[in-house]
Amino acid sequence: MHPVTRRFADSPFVRAVVILAALATSGVAQAAGAMCTAHSPAHRVALVELYSSEGCNSCPPADHWLGQWKDSGAAQGIVPLALHVDYWNSLGWTDRFSQHRFTERQQTLTDLAGGHTIYTPEIFVSGRELRSWSQPESFDERIHKVTAEPAQADVALELAPPAQGTNGFGVDARFTSKAATHDPLNAYVAVYENALTSQVRAGENNGATLHHERVVRQWIGPVPLAEGSAQIRREIALDPADAADSHAQAGKFGVVAFVENAATGEVLQVAELATCH
């Protein structure tokens, strides 16, 4: 564990620009021509957030643990994301996946829960820390508690091909609150990447080959829900090499969309969708 004060340095991966797109929804993820759509289920889904760093020698086991859930999906109630923080970057190895906004989010969730110290690896389930995540009984109990509850929001998600002459895909997500609360609600979209490998040449993991799944590369939000609803529409542009790789490996990239209570950090509902080809 590594306590830290707030220090941030941005490290963007993809750029996002607003595009217009139509939204079609269904009860399950499906291909519709070149379109893919998904809709969150009637029960609540657990968003599992791992805060990690390539500079932390206690993180690789947690990265490996998170990878077992990469194909679970919203239907099984678990949607995992790996968010690489930047506060290890000055200690010998710069994590190419780190973003300052993930350090900020980790600190915000900790503050909302009345905590003070952030560390890696740290797990949050639906916005609440779970220190005993490595104990299967404890993790299963938390997941069951979340998924046994009815959904407090609906999330509809559509992925579309990119505009002509570009690489990437379009994202269109709609969020509708069903929560009986007057607290402000925010919508988010995260673009993740699977099957990533790094050869670490300095720091605590010097000489190690690290493997990562569900690494968040693009983070969009918060977007406030107005009168109980919100919409996020973006075109996600990938580097040509990444775009070519995504076609070679089905499921290389995907999108997670979720609604969060801004006053408590509680994640109300989640939908996810891998890019379709």
C-alpha atoms as a PDB file:
ATOM      1  CA  MET A   1       0.000   0.000   0.000  1.00  0.00           C
ATOM      2  CA  HIS A   2       1.262   3.428  -0.841  1.00  0.00           C
ATOM      3  CA  PRO A   3      -0.334   6.537   0.770  1.00  0.00           C
ATOM      4  CA  VAL A   4      -0.161   9.651  -1.336  1.00  0.00           C
ATOM      5  CA  THR A   5      -1.143  13.275  -1.488  1.00  0.00           C
ATOM      6  CA  ARG A   6      -2.976  14.590  -4.522  1.00  0.00           C
ATOM      7  CA  ARG A   7      -0.683  15.091  -7.511  1.00  0.00           C
ATOM      8  CA  PHE A   8      -1.960  14.841 -11.006  1.00  0.00           C
ATOM      9  CA  ALA A   9      -0.521  14.748 -14.549  1.00  0.00           C
ATOM     10  CA  ASP A  10      -2.764  14.209 -17.553  1.00  0.00           C
ATOM     11  CA  SER A  11      -2.057  11.432 -20.038  1.00  0.00           C
ATOM     12  CA  PRO A  12      -4.803  11.307 -22.722  1.00  0.00           C
ATOM     13  CA  PHE A  13      -5.078   8.329 -25.064  1.00  0.00           C
ATOM     14  CA  VAL A  14      -7.890   9.086 -27.467  1.00  0.00           C
ATOM     15  CA  ARG A  15      -9.728  12.260 -28.346  1.00  0.00           C
ATOM     16  CA  ALA A  16     -13.471  12.574 -28.304  1.00  0.00           C
ATOM     17  CA  VAL A  17     -15.671  14.841 -30.415  1.00  0.00           C
ATOM     18  CA  VAL A  18     -19.446  15.145 -30.452  1.00  0.00           C
ATOM     19  CA  ILE A  19     -21.297  13.431 -33.285  1.00  0.00           C
ATOM     20  CA  LEU A  20     -24.940  12.884 -34.037  1.00  0.00           C
ATOM     21  CA  ALA A  21     -26.229   9.326 -33.985  1.00  0.00           C
ATOM     22  CA  ALA A  22     -29.512   7.460 -33.631  1.00  0.00           C
ATOM     23  CA  LEU A  23     -30.144   5.184 -30.650  1.00  0.00           C
ATOM     24  CA  ALA A  24     -31.741   1.765 -30.853  1.00  0.00           C
ATOM     25  CA  THR A  25     -32.064  -0.356 -27.705  1.00  0.00           C
ATOM     26  CA  SER A  26     -32.856  -3.960 -26.866  1.00  0.00           C
ATOM     27  CA  GLY A  27     -32.986  -6.183 -23.805  1.00  0.00           C
ATOM     28  CA  VAL A  28     -29.626  -7.835 -24.573  1.00  0.00           C
ATOM     29  CA  ALA A  29     -26.479  -6.947 -26.480  1.00  0.00           C
ATOM     30  CA  GLN A  30     -26.868  -7.703 -30.159  1.00  0.00           C
ATOM     31  CA  ALA A  31     -25.463  -6.901 -33.575  1.00  0.00           C
ATOM     32  CA  ALA A  32     -27.731  -4.899 -35.847  1.00  0.00           C
ATOM     33  CA  GLY A  33     -25.993  -4.648 -39.173  1.00  0.00           C
ATOM     34  CA  ALA A  34     -22.891  -2.653 -38.339  1.00  0.00           C
ATOM     35  CA  MET A  35     -24.482  -1.418 -35.098  1.00  0.00           C
ATOM     36  CA  CYS A  36     -24.213  -3.000 -31.657  1.00  0.00           C
ATOM     37  CA  THR A  37     -26.660  -2.209 -28.870  1.00  0.00           C
ATOM     38  CA  ALA A  38     -27.106  -3.123 -25.226  1.00  0.00           C
ATOM     39  CA  HIS A  39     -29.455  -2.245 -22.387  1.00  0.00           C
ATOM     40  CA  SER A  40     -28.873  -2.609 -18.667  1.00  0.00           C
ATOM     41  CA  PRO A  41     -30.864  -5.406 -16.977  1.00  0.00           C
ATOM     42  CA  ALA A  42     -33.713  -5.054 -14.488  1.00  0.00           C
ATOM     43  CA  HIS A  43     -31.397  -5.867 -11.588  1.00  0.00           C
ATOM     44  CA  ARG A  44     -28.543  -3.708 -10.404  1.00  0.00           C
ATOM     45  CA  VAL A  45     -25.087  -4.426 -11.869  1.00  0.00           C
ATOM     46  CA  ALA A  46     -21.842  -4.180  -9.874  1.00  0.00           C
ATOM     47  CA  LEU A  47     -19.141  -1.897 -11.264  1.00  0.00           C
ATOM     48  CA  VAL A  48     -15.795  -3.244 -10.007  1.00  0.00           C
ATOM     49  CA  GLU A  49     -13.061  -0.596 -10.135  1.00  0.00           C
ATOM     50  CA  LEU A  50      -9.428  -1.559  -9.587  1.00  0.00           C
ATOM     51  CA  TYR A  51      -7.002   1.289  -8.904  1.00  0.00           C
ATOM     52  CA  SER A  52      -3.608   0.044 -10.016  1.00  0.00           C
ATOM     53  CA  SER A  53      -0.171   1.053 -11.284  1.00  0.00           C
ATOM     54  CA  GLU A  54       2.660  -0.596 -13.161  1.00  0.00           C
ATOM     55  CA  GLY A  55       5.019   0.985 -10.628  1.00  0.00           C
ATOM     56  CA  CYS A  56       3.501  -0.955  -7.721  1.00  0.00           C
ATOM     57  CA  ASN A  57       4.850  -4.460  -7.068  1.00  0.00           C
ATOM     58  CA  SER A  58       1.711  -5.524  -5.189  1.00  0.00           C
ATOM     59  CA  CYS A  59      -0.517  -4.634  -8.158  1.00  0.00           C
ATOM     60  CA  PRO A  60       0.158  -7.474 -10.657  1.00  0.00           C
ATOM     61  CA  PRO A  61      -1.786 -10.063  -8.576  1.00  0.00           C
ATOM     62  CA  ALA A  62      -4.737  -7.659  -8.451  1.00  0.00           C
ATOM     63  CA  ASP A  63      -4.477  -7.063 -12.213  1.00  0.00           C
ATOM     64  CA  HIS A  64      -4.545 -10.833 -12.741  1.00  0.00           C
ATOM     65  CA  TRP A  65      -7.516 -11.172 -10.373  1.00  0.00           C
ATOM     66  CA  LEU A  66      -9.503  -8.523 -12.236  1.00  0.00           C
ATOM     67  CA  GLY A  67      -8.807 -10.239 -15.560  1.00  0.00           C
ATOM     68  CA  GLN A  68     -10.918 -13.238 -14.594  1.00  0.00           C
ATOM     69  CA  TRP A  69     -14.017 -11.032 -14.808  1.00  0.00           C
ATOM     70  CA  LYS A  70     -13.244  -9.507 -18.226  1.00  0.00           C
ATOM     71  CA  ASP A  71     -15.880 -11.618 -20.001  1.00  0.00           C
ATOM     72  CA  SER A  72     -18.497 -11.619 -17.242  1.00  0.00           C
ATOM     73  CA  GLY A  73     -20.669  -8.846 -18.601  1.00  0.00           C
ATOM     74  CA  ALA A  74     -23.648  -7.003 -17.171  1.00  0.00           C
ATOM     75  CA  ALA A  75     -25.866 -10.085 -17.527  1.00  0.00           C
ATOM     76  CA  GLN A  76     -23.688 -11.845 -14.927  1.00  0.00           C
ATOM     77  CA  GLY A  77     -23.744  -8.765 -12.721  1.00  0.00           C
ATOM     78  CA  ILE A  78     -20.031  -7.845 -12.777  1.00  0.00           C
ATOM     79  CA  VAL A  79     -18.464  -5.138 -14.953  1.00  0.00           C
ATOM     80  CA  PRO A  80     -14.727  -4.681 -14.226  1.00  0.00           C
ATOM     81  CA  LEU A  81     -12.519  -1.678 -14.986  1.00  0.00           C
ATOM     82  CA  ALA A  82      -8.821  -1.069 -14.297  1.00  0.00           C
ATOM     83  CA  LEU A  83      -7.948   2.573 -13.668  1.00  0.00           C
ATOM     84  CA  HIS A  84      -4.213   3.275 -13.568  1.00  0.00           C
ATOM     85  CA  VAL A  85      -3.264   6.138 -11.256  1.00  0.00           C
ATOM     86  CA  ASP A  86      -0.342   8.488 -11.741  1.00  0.00           C
ATOM     87  CA  TYR A  87       1.122   8.913  -8.244  1.00  0.00           C
ATOM     88  CA  TRP A  88       3.671   6.129  -8.737  1.00  0.00           C
ATOM     89  CA  ASN A  89       5.121   7.736 -11.859  1.00  0.00           C
ATOM     90  CA  SER A  90       7.826   9.686 -10.020  1.00  0.00           C
ATOM     91  CA  LEU A  91       9.166   6.579  -8.288  1.00  0.00           C
ATOM     92  CA  GLY A  92      11.138   5.040 -11.147  1.00  0.00           C
ATOM     93  CA  TRP A  93       8.631   3.906 -13.780  1.00  0.00           C
ATOM     94  CA  THR A  94       6.047   5.939 -15.709  1.00  0.00           C
ATOM     95  CA  ASP A  95       2.867   3.945 -16.288  1.00  0.00           C
ATOM     96  CA  ARG A  96       1.789   4.632 -19.878  1.00  0.00           C
ATOM     97  CA  PHE A  97      -1.830   3.878 -18.964  1.00  0.00           C
ATOM     98  CA  SER A  98      -2.006   6.278 -16.021  1.00  0.00           C
ATOM     99  CA  GLN A  99      -4.242   9.338 -15.990  1.00  0.00           C
ATOM    100  CA  HIS A 100      -4.554  12.041 -13.366  1.00  0.00           C
ATOM    101  CA  ARG A 101      -8.343  11.841 -13.480  1.00  0.00           C
ATOM    102  CA  PHE A 102      -8.195   8.295 -12.080  1.00  0.00           C
ATOM    103  CA  THR A 103      -6.204   9.501  -9.089  1.00  0.00           C
ATOM    104  CA  GLU A 104      -8.804  12.230  -8.675  1.00  0.00           C
ATOM    105  CA  ARG A 105     -11.656   9.729  -8.839  1.00  0.00           C
ATOM    106  CA  GLN A 106      -9.997   7.414  -6.330  1.00  0.00           C
ATOM    107  CA  GLN A 107      -9.525  10.325  -3.924  1.00  0.00           C
ATOM    108  CA  THR A 108     -13.114  11.511  -4.423  1.00  0.00           C
ATOM    109  CA  LEU A 109     -14.597   8.085  -3.667  1.00  0.00           C
ATOM    110  CA  THR A 110     -12.388   7.855  -0.592  1.00  0.00           C
ATOM    111  CA  ASP A 111     -13.412  11.329   0.603  1.00  0.00           C
ATOM    112  CA  LEU A 112     -17.118  10.573   0.132  1.00  0.00           C
ATOM    113  CA  ALA A 113     -16.751   7.492   2.320  1.00  0.00           C
ATOM    114  CA  GLY A 114     -15.007   9.511   5.050  1.00  0.00           C
ATOM    115  CA  GLY A 115     -11.528   8.136   4.342  1.00  0.00           C
ATOM    116  CA  HIS A 116      -8.257   9.979   3.844  1.00  0.00           C
ATOM    117  CA  THR A 117      -5.646   7.674   2.328  1.00  0.00           C
ATOM    118  CA  ILE A 118      -5.543   6.207  -1.170  1.00  0.00           C
ATOM    119  CA  TYR A 119      -3.343   3.301  -2.158  1.00  0.00           C
ATOM    120  CA  THR A 120      -2.790   0.608  -4.751  1.00  0.00           C
ATOM    121  CA  PRO A 121      -4.164  -1.895  -5.375  1.00  0.00           C
ATOM    122  CA  GLU A 122      -7.558  -0.708  -4.162  1.00  0.00           C
ATOM    123  CA  ILE A 123     -10.965  -2.116  -5.143  1.00  0.00           C
ATOM    124  CA  PHE A 124     -14.316  -0.334  -5.183  1.00  0.00           C
ATOM    125  CA  VAL A 125     -17.567  -2.191  -5.853  1.00  0.00           C
ATOM    126  CA  SER A 126     -20.360   0.105  -7.027  1.00  0.00           C
ATOM    127  CA  GLY A 127     -18.585   3.068  -5.469  1.00  0.00           C
ATOM    128  CA  ARG A 128     -17.787   1.443  -2.109  1.00  0.00           C
ATOM    129  CA  GLU A 129     -14.324   0.242  -1.065  1.00  0.00           C
ATOM    130  CA  LEU A 130     -13.877  -3.484  -0.522  1.00  0.00           C
ATOM    131  CA  ARG A 131     -10.629  -4.165   1.327  1.00  0.00           C
ATOM    132  CA  SER A 132     -11.305  -7.907   1.470  1.00  0.00           C
ATOM    133  CA  TRP A 133     -11.681  -8.292  -2.298  1.00  0.00           C
ATOM    134  CA  SER A 134      -9.114 -11.120  -2.439  1.00  0.00           C
ATOM    135  CA  GLN A 135     -11.308 -13.283  -0.192  1.00  0.00           C
ATOM    136  CA  PRO A 136     -13.805 -15.035  -2.515  1.00  0.00           C
ATOM    137  CA  GLU A 137     -16.555 -15.236   0.100  1.00  0.00           C
ATOM    138  CA  SER A 138     -16.341 -11.520   0.837  1.00  0.00           C
ATOM    139  CA  PHE A 139     -16.304 -10.530  -2.832  1.00  0.00           C
ATOM    140  CA  ASP A 140     -19.182 -12.863  -3.697  1.00  0.00           C
ATOM    141  CA  GLU A 141     -21.216 -11.530  -0.792  1.00  0.00           C
ATOM    142  CA  ARG A 142     -20.767  -7.929  -1.946  1.00  0.00           C
ATOM    143  CA  ILE A 143     -21.651  -8.787  -5.552  1.00  0.00           C
ATOM    144  CA  HIS A 144     -24.728 -10.732  -4.480  1.00  0.00           C
ATOM    145  CA  LYS A 145     -25.886  -7.837  -2.310  1.00  0.00           C
ATOM    146  CA  VAL A 146     -25.635  -5.426  -5.239  1.00  0.00           C
ATOM    147  CA  THR A 147     -27.217  -7.652  -7.899  1.00  0.00           C
ATOM    148  CA  ALA A 148     -30.092  -8.651  -5.618  1.00  0.00           C
ATOM    149  CA  GLU A 149     -31.353  -5.063  -5.727  1.00  0.00           C
ATOM    150  CA  PRO A 150     -33.635  -3.704  -8.458  1.00  0.00           C
ATOM    151  CA  ALA A 151     -32.019  -1.284 -10.880  1.00  0.00           C
ATOM    152  CA  GLN A 152     -32.108   2.352  -9.822  1.00  0.00           C
ATOM    153  CA  ALA A 153     -31.420   3.591 -13.354  1.00  0.00           C
ATOM    154  CA  ASP A 154     -31.608   2.448 -16.959  1.00  0.00           C
ATOM    155  CA  VAL A 155     -28.629   2.677 -19.309  1.00  0.00           C
ATOM    156  CA  ALA A 156     -28.932   2.161 -23.081  1.00  0.00           C
ATOM    157  CA  LEU A 157     -25.763   1.903 -25.142  1.00  0.00           C
ATOM    158  CA  GLU A 158     -25.051   1.849 -28.869  1.00  0.00           C
ATOM    159  CA  LEU A 159     -21.768   1.526 -30.756  1.00  0.00           C
ATOM    160  CA  ALA A 160     -21.516   2.467 -34.416  1.00  0.00           C
ATOM    161  CA  PRO A 161     -18.821   2.518 -37.119  1.00  0.00           C
ATOM    162  CA  PRO A 162     -16.623   5.636 -37.331  1.00  0.00           C
ATOM    163  CA  ALA A 163     -17.122   8.435 -39.801  1.00  0.00           C
ATOM    164  CA  GLN A 164     -15.633   7.794 -43.228  1.00  0.00           C
ATOM    165  CA  GLY A 165     -11.860   8.167 -43.267  1.00  0.00           C
ATOM    166  CA  THR A 166     -11.422   7.813 -39.505  1.00  0.00           C
ATOM    167  CA  ASN A 167     -10.481   4.995 -37.132  1.00  0.00           C
ATOM    168  CA  GLY A 168     -12.498   4.058 -34.086  1.00  0.00           C
ATOM    169  CA  PHE A 169     -16.207   3.867 -33.373  1.00  0.00           C
ATOM    170  CA  GLY A 170     -19.163   5.997 -32.331  1.00  0.00           C
ATOM    171  CA  VAL A 171     -20.702   5.852 -28.858  1.00  0.00           C
ATOM    172  CA  ASP A 172     -24.265   6.829 -28.031  1.00  0.00           C
ATOM    173  CA  ALA A 173     -25.382   6.284 -24.429  1.00  0.00           C
ATOM    174  CA  ARG A 174     -28.631   7.280 -22.740  1.00  0.00           C
ATOM    175  CA  PHE A 175     -29.225   7.329 -19.010  1.00  0.00           C
ATOM    176  CA  THR A 176     -32.562   7.445 -17.161  1.00  0.00           C
ATOM    177  CA  SER A 177     -32.905   7.614 -13.393  1.00  0.00           C
ATOM    178  CA  LYS A 178     -35.351   5.442 -11.450  1.00  0.00           C
ATOM    179  CA  ALA A 179     -33.929   6.408  -8.072  1.00  0.00           C
ATOM    180  CA  ALA A 180     -36.110   7.987  -5.397  1.00  0.00           C
ATOM    181  CA  THR A 181     -33.536  10.607  -4.462  1.00  0.00           C
ATOM    182  CA  HIS A 182     -33.009  14.334  -4.812  1.00  0.00           C
ATOM    183  CA  ASP A 183     -29.230  13.910  -4.878  1.00  0.00           C
ATOM    184  CA  PRO A 184     -27.473  14.995  -8.082  1.00  0.00           C
ATOM    185  CA  LEU A 185     -26.763  12.131 -10.491  1.00  0.00           C
ATOM    186  CA  ASN A 186     -23.958  11.941 -13.044  1.00  0.00           C
ATOM    187  CA  ALA A 187     -23.446   9.862 -16.178  1.00  0.00           C
ATOM    188  CA  TYR A 188     -20.101   8.449 -17.329  1.00  0.00           C
ATOM    189  CA  VAL A 189     -18.685   6.552 -20.293  1.00  0.00           C
ATOM    190  CA  ALA A 190     -15.385   4.652 -20.148  1.00  0.00           C
ATOM    191  CA  VAL A 191     -13.551   3.105 -23.113  1.00  0.00           C
ATOM    192  CA  TYR A 192     -11.433   0.112 -22.120  1.00  0.00           C
ATOM    193  CA  GLU A 193      -8.788  -1.981 -23.838  1.00  0.00           C
ATOM    194  CA  ASN A 194      -7.917  -5.649 -23.299  1.00  0.00           C
ATOM    195  CA  ALA A 195      -4.840  -7.824 -23.881  1.00  0.00           C
ATOM    196  CA  LEU A 196      -2.217  -5.208 -23.025  1.00  0.00           C
ATOM    197  CA  THR A 197       1.392  -6.097 -22.203  1.00  0.00           C
ATOM    198  CA  SER A 198       4.246  -4.000 -20.809  1.00  0.00           C
ATOM    199  CA  GLN A 199       7.922  -4.777 -20.353  1.00  0.00           C
ATOM    200  CA  VAL A 200       8.814  -2.875 -17.204  1.00  0.00           C
ATOM    201  CA  ARG A 201      12.400  -1.627 -17.095  1.00  0.00           C
ATOM    202  CA  ALA A 202      12.538   0.340 -13.852  1.00  0.00           C
ATOM    203  CA  GLY A 203      10.874   0.751 -10.479  1.00  0.00           C
ATOM    204  CA  GLU A 204       9.464  -1.946  -8.208  1.00  0.00           C
ATOM    205  CA  ASN A 205       8.482  -4.205 -11.131  1.00  0.00           C
ATOM    206  CA  ASN A 206      11.798  -3.854 -12.958  1.00  0.00           C
ATOM    207  CA  GLY A 207      12.307  -6.794 -15.326  1.00  0.00           C
ATOM    208  CA  ALA A 208       8.704  -8.002 -15.136  1.00  0.00           C
ATOM    209  CA  THR A 209       6.322  -8.520 -18.038  1.00  0.00           C
ATOM    210  CA  LEU A 210       2.911  -7.229 -16.985  1.00  0.00           C
ATOM    211  CA  HIS A 211      -0.413  -8.222 -18.537  1.00  0.00           C
ATOM    212  CA  HIS A 212      -3.530  -6.092 -18.255  1.00  0.00           C
ATOM    213  CA  GLU A 213      -7.226  -6.443 -19.053  1.00  0.00           C
ATOM    214  CA  ARG A 214     -10.024  -3.886 -18.992  1.00  0.00           C
ATOM    215  CA  VAL A 215      -7.669  -0.905 -18.830  1.00  0.00           C
ATOM    216  CA  VAL A 216      -9.567   2.388 -19.124  1.00  0.00           C
ATOM    217  CA  ARG A 217      -8.096   4.485 -21.931  1.00  0.00           C
ATOM    218  CA  GLN A 218     -10.791   7.156 -22.303  1.00  0.00           C
ATOM    219  CA  TRP A 219     -13.012   8.642 -19.590  1.00  0.00           C
ATOM    220  CA  ILE A 220     -16.008  10.847 -20.423  1.00  0.00           C
ATOM    221  CA  GLY A 221     -17.935  12.586 -17.665  1.00  0.00           C
ATOM    222  CA  PRO A 222     -19.338  13.559 -15.345  1.00  0.00           C
ATOM    223  CA  VAL A 223     -22.408  14.594 -17.329  1.00  0.00           C
ATOM    224  CA  PRO A 224     -25.258  15.633 -14.976  1.00  0.00           C
ATOM    225  CA  LEU A 225     -28.670  14.058 -15.378  1.00  0.00           C
ATOM    226  CA  ALA A 226     -31.211  16.825 -15.994  1.00  0.00           C
ATOM    227  CA  GLU A 227     -34.779  15.998 -14.987  1.00  0.00           C
ATOM    228  CA  GLY A 228     -33.741  12.392 -14.604  1.00  0.00           C
ATOM    229  CA  SER A 229     -32.013  11.808 -17.930  1.00  0.00           C
ATOM    230  CA  ALA A 230     -28.802  12.412 -19.846  1.00  0.00           C
ATOM    231  CA  GLN A 231     -27.173  11.458 -23.123  1.00  0.00           C
ATOM    232  CA  ILE A 232     -23.519  11.105 -24.101  1.00  0.00           C
ATOM    233  CA  ARG A 233     -22.620  10.930 -27.797  1.00  0.00           C
ATOM    234  CA  ARG A 234     -19.022  10.742 -28.925  1.00  0.00           C
ATOM    235  CA  GLU A 235     -16.823   9.516 -31.735  1.00  0.00           C
ATOM    236  CA  ILE A 236     -13.864   7.660 -30.259  1.00  0.00           C
ATOM    237  CA  ALA A 237     -10.806   8.042 -32.488  1.00  0.00           C
ATOM    238  CA  LEU A 238      -8.088   5.391 -32.230  1.00  0.00           C
ATOM    239  CA  ASP A 239      -4.549   5.429 -33.545  1.00  0.00           C
ATOM    240  CA  PRO A 240      -4.359   3.501 -36.852  1.00  0.00           C
ATOM    241  CA  ALA A 241      -2.243   0.750 -35.262  1.00  0.00           C
ATOM    242  CA  ASP A 242      -4.727   0.323 -32.427  1.00  0.00           C
ATOM    243  CA  ALA A 243      -7.660   0.319 -34.826  1.00  0.00           C
ATOM    244  CA  ALA A 244      -6.029  -2.400 -36.937  1.00  0.00           C
ATOM    245  CA  ASP A 245      -5.316  -4.422 -33.818  1.00  0.00           C
ATOM    246  CA  SER A 246      -8.919  -4.110 -32.648  1.00  0.00           C
ATOM    247  CA  HIS A 247     -10.127  -5.691 -35.902  1.00  0.00           C
ATOM    248  CA  ALA A 248      -7.616  -8.511 -35.503  1.00  0.00           C
ATOM    249  CA  GLN A 249      -8.743  -9.277 -31.964  1.00  0.00           C
ATOM    250  CA  ALA A 250     -12.467  -9.361 -31.274  1.00  0.00           C
ATOM    251  CA  GLY A 251     -13.242  -7.753 -27.920  1.00  0.00           C
ATOM    252  CA  LYS A 252     -10.007  -5.758 -27.838  1.00  0.00           C
ATOM    253  CA  PHE A 253     -11.969  -2.592 -27.048  1.00  0.00           C
ATOM    254  CA  GLY A 254     -15.249  -1.991 -25.294  1.00  0.00           C
ATOM    255  CA  VAL A 255     -17.394   0.644 -23.607  1.00  0.00           C
ATOM    256  CA  VAL A 256     -18.881   0.860 -20.124  1.00  0.00           C
ATOM    257  CA  ALA A 257     -21.604   3.396 -19.283  1.00  0.00           C
ATOM    258  CA  PHE A 258     -22.881   4.040 -15.764  1.00  0.00           C
ATOM    259  CA  VAL A 259     -24.921   6.346 -13.525  1.00  0.00           C
ATOM    260  CA  GLU A 260     -23.537   7.542 -10.193  1.00  0.00           C
ATOM    261  CA  ASN A 261     -24.961   9.388  -7.213  1.00  0.00           C
ATOM    262  CA  ALA A 262     -22.673  12.424  -7.051  1.00  0.00           C
ATOM    263  CA  ALA A 263     -23.389  13.004  -3.359  1.00  0.00           C
ATOM    264  CA  THR A 264     -22.422   9.500  -2.186  1.00  0.00           C
ATOM    265  CA  GLY A 265     -20.320   7.970  -4.988  1.00  0.00           C
ATOM    266  CA  GLU A 266     -22.738   5.046  -5.222  1.00  0.00           C
ATOM    267  CA  VAL A 267     -22.976   3.568  -8.730  1.00  0.00           C
ATOM    268  CA  LEU A 268     -26.652   3.014  -9.469  1.00  0.00           C
ATOM    269  CA  GLN A 269     -26.504   1.054 -12.740  1.00  0.00           C
ATOM    270  CA  VAL A 270     -24.098  -0.072 -15.435  1.00  0.00           C
ATOM    271  CA  ALA A 271     -24.207  -1.242 -19.055  1.00  0.00           C
ATOM    272  CA  GLU A 272     -21.338  -2.463 -21.200  1.00  0.00           C
ATOM    273  CA  LEU A 273     -20.669  -3.452 -24.794  1.00  0.00           C
ATOM    274  CA  ALA A 274     -17.614  -4.772 -26.608  1.00  0.00           C
ATOM    275  CA  THR A 275     -16.929  -3.304 -30.032  1.00  0.00           C
ATOM    276  CA  CYS A 276     -18.491  -5.342 -32.825  1.00  0.00           C
ATOM    277  CA  HIS A 277     -16.978  -6.011 -36.255  1.00  0.00           C
END
